Protein backbone atom coordinates (compact mmCIF):
# COMPACT_ATOMS: atom_id res chain seq x y z
CA UNK A 1 96.15 -36.33 -156.90
CA UNK A 2 95.16 -33.33 -155.06
CA UNK A 3 92.53 -33.43 -152.46
CA UNK A 4 89.39 -31.30 -152.16
CA UNK A 5 87.57 -30.66 -149.00
CA UNK A 6 83.84 -31.77 -149.03
CA UNK A 7 80.99 -30.98 -146.77
CA UNK A 8 78.54 -33.96 -146.23
CA UNK A 9 75.34 -34.44 -144.29
CA UNK A 10 74.64 -37.62 -142.56
CA UNK A 11 72.23 -38.88 -140.24
CA UNK A 12 73.34 -38.54 -136.24
CA UNK A 13 73.26 -42.36 -136.43
CA UNK A 14 75.56 -42.98 -139.54
CA UNK A 15 77.85 -40.28 -137.88
CA UNK A 16 78.08 -41.82 -134.41
CA UNK A 17 78.88 -45.10 -136.23
CA UNK A 18 81.55 -43.21 -138.07
CA UNK A 19 82.99 -42.08 -135.27
CA UNK A 20 82.94 -45.40 -133.51
CA UNK A 21 84.37 -47.13 -136.37
CA UNK A 22 87.12 -44.69 -137.04
CA UNK A 23 88.20 -44.65 -133.12
CA UNK A 24 88.24 -48.53 -133.24
CA UNK A 25 90.54 -48.53 -136.27
CA UNK A 26 92.49 -45.44 -135.08
CA UNK A 27 91.91 -43.33 -138.33
CA UNK A 28 90.38 -40.02 -139.02
CA UNK A 29 86.91 -39.71 -140.04
CA UNK A 30 88.28 -38.49 -143.32
CA UNK A 31 90.09 -41.67 -143.49
CA UNK A 32 87.28 -43.91 -143.05
CA UNK A 33 85.09 -42.18 -145.64
CA UNK A 34 88.03 -42.58 -148.04
CA UNK A 35 88.25 -46.29 -147.41
CA UNK A 36 84.45 -46.37 -147.78
CA UNK A 37 84.58 -44.69 -151.17
CA UNK A 38 87.47 -46.91 -151.92
CA UNK A 39 85.58 -50.30 -151.04
CA UNK A 40 82.38 -48.86 -152.99
CA UNK A 41 84.16 -48.10 -156.26
CA UNK A 42 85.74 -51.89 -156.05
CA UNK A 43 82.45 -53.25 -155.28
CA UNK A 44 80.90 -51.35 -158.16
CA UNK A 45 83.80 -52.33 -160.46
CA UNK A 46 83.04 -55.92 -159.63
CA UNK A 47 79.42 -55.68 -159.98
CA UNK A 48 79.94 -54.03 -163.53
CA UNK A 49 82.25 -56.90 -164.33
CA UNK A 50 79.67 -59.59 -163.18
CA UNK A 51 76.80 -58.07 -165.28
CA UNK A 52 79.27 -57.46 -168.25
CA UNK A 53 79.91 -61.42 -168.23
CA UNK A 54 76.20 -62.11 -167.71
CA UNK A 55 75.16 -60.08 -170.39
CA UNK A 56 77.72 -61.51 -172.84
CA UNK A 57 77.20 -65.31 -171.92
CA UNK A 58 76.37 -67.17 -175.03
CA UNK A 59 77.05 -64.72 -177.70
CA UNK A 60 79.83 -67.03 -179.27
CA UNK A 61 78.38 -69.18 -181.98
CA UNK A 62 81.54 -70.32 -183.74
CA UNK A 63 81.85 -73.85 -182.01
CA UNK A 64 84.43 -74.31 -179.88
CA UNK A 65 86.11 -71.28 -178.48
CA UNK A 66 89.30 -72.78 -177.16
CA UNK A 67 90.06 -74.47 -180.83
CA UNK A 68 89.15 -71.03 -182.56
CA UNK A 69 91.83 -69.20 -180.26
CA UNK A 70 94.57 -71.92 -180.97
CA UNK A 71 93.69 -71.51 -184.65
CA UNK A 72 93.91 -67.83 -184.74
CA UNK A 73 96.87 -67.71 -182.59
CA UNK A 74 98.71 -70.14 -184.85
CA UNK A 75 98.09 -68.04 -187.65
CA UNK A 76 99.76 -65.02 -185.64
CA UNK A 77 102.86 -67.56 -185.63
CA UNK A 78 102.57 -68.90 -189.11
CA UNK A 79 101.56 -72.34 -187.81
CA UNK A 80 98.85 -74.29 -188.62
CA UNK A 81 96.05 -75.70 -186.12
CA UNK A 82 93.96 -78.75 -186.97
CA UNK A 83 91.03 -77.99 -184.84
CA UNK A 84 89.31 -81.20 -185.37
CA UNK A 85 92.20 -83.45 -184.18
CA UNK A 86 93.50 -80.66 -181.84
CA UNK A 87 96.85 -80.81 -182.96
CA UNK A 88 99.53 -78.82 -184.43
CA UNK A 89 100.85 -79.05 -187.97
CA UNK A 90 98.34 -81.87 -189.12
C-alpha cells in the first residue's frame, strides 16, 4: 500500500514524549506514529466487537442454542438430531 506524507500538529509535551519513545525503541518518529495508529485501530476493533456482543446478548429466544446448532448442522449432513435426548439418530 502506498504511503502519503501527512503533517500533524502536536502539543510540545507530546512531541517530546514521542521523540523519547522513538529513541528508546530505536525507531523513527514516523514509525512510532504508524505503530500508534495500528494499536489504536486494533483497540477500536476490539471495542466494537465487545459493544456488538453486549448489544446482541440475550437476543436468542429459541431455547438451547447449542441444541439448535446441532440440529441445523445435522440437516446439512442429512442426519437427525434429537435435541431432547441430545443424541444423533433417535
